[in-house]
Protein backbone atom coordinates (compact mmCIF):
# COMPACT_ATOMS: atom_id res chain seq x y z
CA MET A 1 10.86 -14.01 15.14
CA ARG A 2 10.32 -15.02 11.68
CA ARG A 3 8.33 -12.31 10.92
CA TRP A 4 11.48 -10.07 12.39
CA ILE A 5 13.50 -11.90 10.50
CA TRP A 6 11.69 -11.01 7.05
CA VAL A 7 11.78 -7.36 8.00
CA ALA A 8 15.39 -7.51 8.42
CA ILE A 9 16.32 -9.05 5.28
CA VAL A 10 14.22 -6.81 3.05
CA LEU A 11 15.36 -3.69 4.73
CA VAL A 12 19.21 -5.03 4.16
CA ILE A 13 18.23 -5.61 0.44
CA GLY A 14 16.70 -2.20 -0.03
CA ILE A 15 19.59 -0.41 1.63
CA ALA A 16 22.07 -2.24 -0.76
CA ALA A 17 19.97 -1.32 -3.60
CA ILE A 18 20.12 2.27 -2.83
CA VAL A 19 24.14 1.99 -2.02
CA MET A 20 24.71 0.40 -5.23
CA ILE A 21 22.57 3.19 -7.55
CA GLY A 22 24.85 6.20 -6.01
CA ASP A 23 27.91 7.25 -4.17
CA VAL A 24 27.75 7.07 -0.54
CA ARG A 25 29.73 10.58 0.04
CA GLN A 26 27.24 12.43 -2.20
CA LEU A 27 24.35 11.43 -0.74
CA GLY A 28 25.91 12.57 2.69
CA GLU A 29 26.43 15.91 1.31
CA ARG A 30 23.04 16.50 0.02
CA LEU A 31 21.44 15.39 3.53
CA GLY A 32 23.70 17.81 4.91
CA THR A 33 21.51 20.47 3.09
CA PHE A 34 18.34 19.17 3.48
CA ARG A 35 15.62 21.47 4.94
CA TRP A 36 14.20 18.70 7.67
CA TRP A 37 10.59 20.31 8.33
CA ALA A 38 9.96 19.04 5.13
CA PHE A 39 10.64 15.47 6.36
CA ALA A 40 8.51 16.33 9.36
CA ALA A 41 5.73 17.25 7.20
CA ALA A 42 5.95 14.10 4.96
CA LEU A 43 5.41 11.91 7.90
CA GLY A 44 2.10 14.10 9.19
CA LEU A 45 0.87 13.51 5.36
CA ALA A 46 1.60 9.83 5.79
CA LEU A 47 -0.63 9.65 9.04
CA THR A 48 -3.16 11.43 7.30
CA ASN A 49 -3.19 8.86 4.33
CA TYR A 50 -3.74 6.15 7.07
CA ALA A 51 -6.50 8.47 8.54
CA ILE A 52 -8.51 8.57 5.34
CA ARG A 53 -7.84 5.03 4.36
CA PHE A 54 -9.06 4.18 8.08
CA LEU A 55 -12.37 6.00 7.36
CA ARG A 56 -12.63 3.66 4.11
CA TRP A 57 -12.01 0.59 5.87
CA GLN A 58 -14.77 1.27 8.33
CA ILE A 59 -17.21 1.70 5.70
CA TYR A 60 -15.88 -1.79 4.07
CA LEU A 61 -16.47 -3.15 7.88
CA GLY A 62 -20.00 -1.76 7.67
CA HIS A 63 -20.85 -3.05 4.67
CA GLN A 64 -19.67 -6.47 5.40
CA ARG A 65 -21.76 -5.97 8.99
CA VAL A 66 -19.05 -6.27 10.94
CA ARG A 67 -19.38 -4.58 14.31
CA VAL A 68 -16.06 -4.02 16.23
CA PRO A 69 -15.48 -1.11 18.95
CA VAL A 70 -13.74 1.82 16.79
CA GLY A 71 -10.64 1.66 19.26
CA SER A 72 -9.93 -2.00 18.44
CA SER A 73 -10.75 -1.44 14.45
CA ALA A 74 -8.16 1.03 14.29
CA ILE A 75 -5.59 -0.88 15.98
CA VAL A 76 -6.34 -4.13 13.59
CA PHE A 77 -6.17 -1.41 10.57
CA GLY A 78 -2.94 0.03 11.81
CA ALA A 79 -1.43 -3.55 12.80
CA GLY A 80 -2.04 -4.07 8.79
CA LEU A 81 0.29 -1.85 7.95
CA SER A 82 3.17 -3.99 9.46
CA LEU A 83 3.09 -6.14 6.29
CA SER A 84 2.78 -3.49 3.92
CA ILE A 85 6.33 -4.98 2.82
CA THR A 86 4.70 -7.93 1.38
CA PRO A 87 3.84 -8.76 -2.20
CA ALA A 88 0.94 -6.47 -3.16
CA LYS A 89 0.55 -6.00 0.33
CA LEU A 90 -1.74 -8.83 0.84
CA GLY A 91 0.11 -9.91 4.10
CA GLU A 92 -2.14 -6.99 5.24
CA LEU A 93 -4.77 -9.96 5.26
CA VAL A 94 -3.39 -10.36 9.10
CA LYS A 95 -6.08 -7.71 9.73
CA SER A 96 -8.72 -10.76 9.22
CA TYR A 97 -6.66 -13.00 11.76
CA LEU A 98 -6.42 -10.44 14.21
CA LEU A 99 -10.41 -9.96 13.71
CA ARG A 100 -11.03 -13.72 14.30
CA GLU A 101 -8.63 -13.84 17.34
CA LEU A 102 -10.29 -10.48 18.98
CA HIS A 103 -13.75 -10.69 17.85
CA ASP A 104 -14.37 -14.21 16.75
CA ILE A 105 -15.39 -12.95 12.65
CA PRO A 106 -14.94 -15.39 10.46
CA PRO A 107 -11.89 -14.19 7.91
CA THR A 108 -13.78 -15.47 4.89
CA GLN A 109 -15.93 -12.15 5.78
CA THR A 110 -12.81 -9.84 6.34
CA ALA A 111 -10.35 -10.74 3.46
CA PRO A 112 -12.42 -9.67 0.89
CA ILE A 113 -11.72 -6.01 2.45
CA VAL A 114 -8.33 -6.13 2.31
CA VAL A 115 -8.38 -7.36 -1.48
CA ALA A 116 -11.05 -4.27 -1.90
CA GLU A 117 -8.87 -1.82 -0.37
CA ARG A 118 -6.02 -2.83 -2.95
CA VAL A 119 -8.22 -2.10 -5.73
CA THR A 120 -9.42 0.63 -5.30
CA ASP A 121 -5.84 2.40 -3.98
CA LEU A 122 -4.55 0.96 -7.57
CA ILE A 123 -7.53 2.55 -9.38
CA ALA A 124 -6.96 5.62 -7.21
CA LEU A 125 -3.23 6.11 -8.14
CA VAL A 126 -4.25 5.17 -11.76
CA LEU A 127 -6.41 8.33 -11.81
CA VAL A 128 -4.29 10.43 -10.27
CA ALA A 129 -1.29 9.40 -12.90
CA VAL A 130 -3.80 9.92 -15.64
CA VAL A 131 -4.13 13.62 -15.01
CA GLY A 132 -0.05 13.75 -15.03
CA VAL A 133 0.27 11.81 -18.02
CA ALA A 134 -2.47 14.45 -19.73
CA VAL A 135 0.08 17.18 -18.51
CA TYR A 136 3.65 15.73 -18.46
CA GLY A 137 3.52 12.77 -20.65
CA VAL A 138 5.23 10.43 -17.85
CA GLN A 139 5.33 6.87 -17.85
CA THR A 140 2.20 6.84 -20.40
CA THR A 141 2.35 3.03 -20.99
CA LEU A 142 2.77 1.96 -17.48
CA ILE A 143 -0.68 4.03 -16.76
CA LEU A 144 -2.18 2.28 -19.73
CA ALA A 145 -0.92 -1.40 -18.64
CA ALA A 146 -2.30 -0.88 -15.31
CA GLY A 147 -5.69 0.78 -16.37
CA ALA A 148 -6.07 -2.35 -18.57
CA ILE A 149 -4.76 -4.84 -15.97
CA ILE A 150 -7.66 -3.03 -13.53
CA LEU A 151 -10.34 -3.11 -16.40
CA LEU A 152 -9.75 -6.83 -16.61
CA GLY A 153 -9.96 -7.49 -13.03
CA LEU A 154 -13.26 -5.56 -12.76
CA VAL A 155 -14.71 -7.38 -15.63
CA LEU A 156 -13.88 -10.94 -13.59
CA LEU A 157 -15.76 -9.77 -10.62
CA ALA A 158 -18.78 -8.33 -12.52
CA TRP A 159 -18.90 -11.83 -14.72
CA PRO A 160 -19.28 -14.68 -12.16
CA ARG A 161 -19.49 -17.24 -14.16
CA PRO A 162 -15.89 -17.68 -15.65
CA THR A 163 -14.28 -16.49 -12.37
CA ARG A 164 -16.22 -19.23 -10.57
CA ALA A 165 -15.26 -21.99 -13.01
CA LEU A 166 -11.49 -20.67 -12.70
CA ILE A 167 -11.68 -21.36 -8.87
CA ASP A 168 -13.19 -24.81 -9.54
CA LEU A 169 -10.61 -25.24 -12.08
CA VAL A 170 -7.54 -23.96 -9.82
CA THR A 171 -9.10 -25.96 -6.77
CA ARG A 172 -9.37 -29.31 -8.47
CA PRO A 173 -6.27 -31.15 -7.29
CA ALA A 174 -7.12 -32.92 -3.97
CA PHE A 175 -4.84 -30.91 -2.06
CA ALA A 176 -6.43 -27.82 -2.86
CA ARG A 177 -10.03 -29.00 -2.64
CA ARG A 178 -10.83 -27.63 0.59
CA PHE A 179 -9.73 -24.16 -0.34
CA ARG A 180 -12.78 -24.05 -3.00
CA ALA A 181 -15.56 -23.19 -0.57
CA PRO A 182 -13.74 -20.07 1.09
CA LEU A 183 -12.48 -19.08 -2.35
CA GLN A 184 -15.62 -18.59 -3.62
CA GLU A 185 -17.08 -17.30 -0.39
CA ILE A 186 -14.25 -14.52 -0.44
CA TYR A 187 -14.82 -14.04 -4.55
CA SER A 188 -18.92 -13.61 -3.48
CA GLY A 189 -17.72 -10.56 -0.86
CA LEU A 190 -15.18 -8.88 -2.89
CA ALA A 191 -17.60 -8.85 -5.91
CA SER A 192 -20.05 -7.29 -3.35
CA LEU A 193 -17.39 -4.56 -2.45
CA CYS A 194 -17.03 -3.83 -6.07
CA ARG A 195 -20.32 -2.96 -7.17
CA PRO A 196 -20.40 0.24 -8.72
CA LYS A 197 -21.65 2.71 -6.02
CA LEU A 198 -19.27 1.62 -3.28
CA LEU A 199 -16.57 0.95 -5.79
CA ILE A 200 -16.80 4.72 -6.57
CA VAL A 201 -17.09 6.06 -2.91
CA ALA A 202 -14.16 4.07 -1.91
CA THR A 203 -11.92 5.38 -4.91
CA LEU A 204 -12.75 8.68 -3.90
CA ILE A 205 -11.73 8.26 -0.50
CA ALA A 206 -8.49 6.77 -1.81
CA ILE A 207 -7.37 9.84 -4.05
CA PRO A 208 -7.06 12.49 -1.51
CA ALA A 209 -5.44 9.59 0.94
CA TRP A 210 -2.59 8.99 -1.58
CA GLY A 211 -2.79 12.53 -2.59
CA ALA A 212 -1.15 13.53 0.69
CA GLU A 213 1.88 10.95 0.17
CA CYS A 214 2.16 12.76 -3.33
CA ILE A 215 2.33 16.22 -1.42
CA GLY A 216 4.93 14.87 0.86
CA PHE A 217 7.29 13.54 -1.72
CA GLY A 218 6.92 17.09 -3.26
CA LEU A 219 7.90 18.51 -0.43
CA ILE A 220 11.18 16.70 0.10
CA VAL A 221 12.49 16.97 -3.65
CA ASN A 222 12.12 20.75 -3.12
CA ALA A 223 13.28 20.77 0.42
CA PHE A 224 17.02 20.25 -1.32
CA PRO A 225 18.54 23.55 -1.98
CA GLY A 226 18.44 24.73 -5.88
CA THR A 227 15.77 21.95 -6.75
CA GLU A 228 12.48 22.78 -8.73
CA VAL A 229 9.38 20.10 -8.90
CA SER A 230 6.17 21.17 -9.43
CA MET A 231 3.64 19.10 -7.11
CA GLY A 232 2.03 18.07 -10.28
CA LEU A 233 5.04 16.16 -11.56
CA ALA A 234 5.92 15.22 -8.14
CA THR A 235 2.38 13.63 -7.82
CA VAL A 236 2.50 11.73 -11.24
CA ILE A 237 5.94 10.42 -10.34
CA TYR A 238 4.94 9.13 -6.85
CA ALA A 239 1.63 7.69 -8.17
CA ALA A 240 3.48 5.94 -11.16
CA THR A 241 6.42 4.25 -9.37
CA SER A 242 3.97 3.22 -6.65
CA ILE A 243 1.73 1.52 -9.35
CA ALA A 244 5.24 -0.11 -11.03
CA GLY A 245 6.19 -1.28 -7.48
CA ALA A 246 2.64 -2.59 -7.10
CA LEU A 247 2.83 -4.40 -10.45
CA SER A 248 6.12 -5.87 -9.99
CA PHE A 249 4.76 -8.13 -6.90
CA LEU A 250 7.95 -7.70 -4.88
CA PRO A 251 7.89 -7.02 -1.25
CA GLY A 252 6.77 -3.50 -1.01
CA GLY A 253 7.85 -2.82 -4.63
CA LEU A 254 11.35 -2.82 -3.06
CA GLY A 255 14.10 -1.74 -6.14
CA VAL A 256 11.51 -1.08 -8.81
CA THR A 257 9.49 1.81 -6.79
CA GLU A 258 13.16 3.27 -5.56
CA GLY A 259 14.76 3.12 -9.32
CA ALA A 260 11.85 4.46 -10.75
CA MET A 261 11.51 7.19 -8.72
CA THR A 262 14.91 8.04 -9.24
CA VAL A 263 15.46 8.08 -12.88
CA LEU A 264 12.25 9.77 -13.32
CA LEU A 265 13.32 12.47 -10.80
CA VAL A 266 16.72 13.20 -12.71
CA LYS A 267 14.88 12.67 -16.33
CA SER A 268 12.06 14.65 -15.77
CA ALA A 269 12.77 17.48 -13.02
CA ARG A 270 14.77 20.43 -13.11
CA HIS A 271 18.13 20.90 -11.30
CA ILE A 272 18.37 17.69 -9.86
CA ASP A 273 21.37 15.43 -9.98
CA GLN A 274 21.00 11.55 -8.95
CA ALA A 275 22.51 12.03 -5.59
CA THR A 276 19.78 14.48 -4.64
CA ALA A 277 17.37 11.99 -6.77
CA LEU A 278 18.29 9.16 -4.37
CA ASP A 279 18.30 11.03 -1.36
CA ALA A 280 14.93 12.80 -1.72
CA THR A 281 13.95 8.92 -3.14
CA LEU A 282 15.35 7.31 0.38
CA LEU A 283 13.69 10.02 2.59
CA THR A 284 10.32 9.29 0.82
CA ARG A 285 10.19 5.72 1.26
CA LEU A 286 11.67 6.05 5.15
CA ALA A 287 8.60 8.39 5.52
CA THR A 288 5.93 6.49 3.89
CA LEU A 289 6.62 2.79 3.58
CA TRP A 290 9.20 2.08 6.46
CA PHE A 291 7.15 4.54 8.57
CA ALA A 292 4.33 2.19 8.06
CA VAL A 293 6.22 -0.84 8.63
CA LEU A 294 7.19 1.03 12.02
CA LEU A 295 3.99 2.02 13.13
CA GLY A 296 2.20 -1.41 11.85
CA LEU A 297 4.87 -3.41 14.24
CA VAL A 298 3.95 -1.26 17.26
CA LEU A 299 0.18 -1.45 16.55
CA LEU A 300 0.63 -5.10 16.13
CA ALA A 301 2.20 -5.91 19.51
CA VAL A 302 -0.70 -4.00 20.81
CA ALA A 303 -2.92 -6.23 19.16
CA ARG A 304 -1.18 -9.70 20.10
CA GLY A 305 -1.22 -8.42 23.91
CA ARG A 306 -4.78 -7.81 23.57
CA ILE A 307 -5.27 -11.50 21.89
CA ALA A 308 -3.14 -12.93 24.70
CA ARG A 309 -5.09 -11.53 27.58
CA ARG A 310 -8.37 -12.48 25.84
CA ALA A 311 -7.25 -16.10 25.74
CA ALA A 312 -6.04 -15.57 29.50
CA GLN A 313 -9.47 -15.00 30.43
CA ALA A 314 -11.25 -17.40 28.55
CA PRO A 315 -13.03 -20.21 30.13
CA PRO A 316 -11.44 -23.41 29.90
CA PRO A 317 -12.70 -25.86 27.45
């Protein structure tokens, strides 16, 4: 119940932010001329994103020596999408909980995978955006800042002594001491997942995954009569605003991503007014973020049903 309340609150905040930005009547007029096949195509491209990232998930599971049926793994991966609206998507750690409940796999063995996914997603988005920055000069400061943060994180992963010392320092208080060993174990797993070879492979997988959603964004924008946005510009705008949302640590990047996407469309693209840009942003977020949450909630319900059946079949203690 609390999860549904959280989803509802975030949804209301997102809608309120959108309504405050533009005139509702103009938004409705633009939607009336929209070519809806582009929205369907964007949904298909979002599914392509999830399918490609599931391949990376499977590679990570293999590296961590986690063996689960592919069907069950897909349900767990998809269920994690239900918490895409959490800050930095860290709510996707629910996947570790589900693997424990369904297959008795320790969370410390799989939690590093969720963090590694976020690391390679951010690297992939930065690499995609860097190409666009070189061509269009959009959001150069943001991309450089994101690159610096990633570099710092990779340095900490490759240099264990200060990182382990930091974990010891954070867990020095009595109430936090019990988290020290699990955090050290998670750090070891994350450092292993971010070694150069696996990091490169995972990032190369993530690039086409996020590229698919960039294309979906471009299709939606160009589906409004009279608009003209190249796929290259659409790609850099989507990547840059996704990075901004991730670095904001707001749930799902709400407000930051929508605002930045609308502003960049108006400033950088041709023949796009604010109402059209806002409609394009709204439809894009429905086809990506909210579609992921909806799909994730369905699969989370399936996973919880399996957990309940497993508990019912377990012998009494």
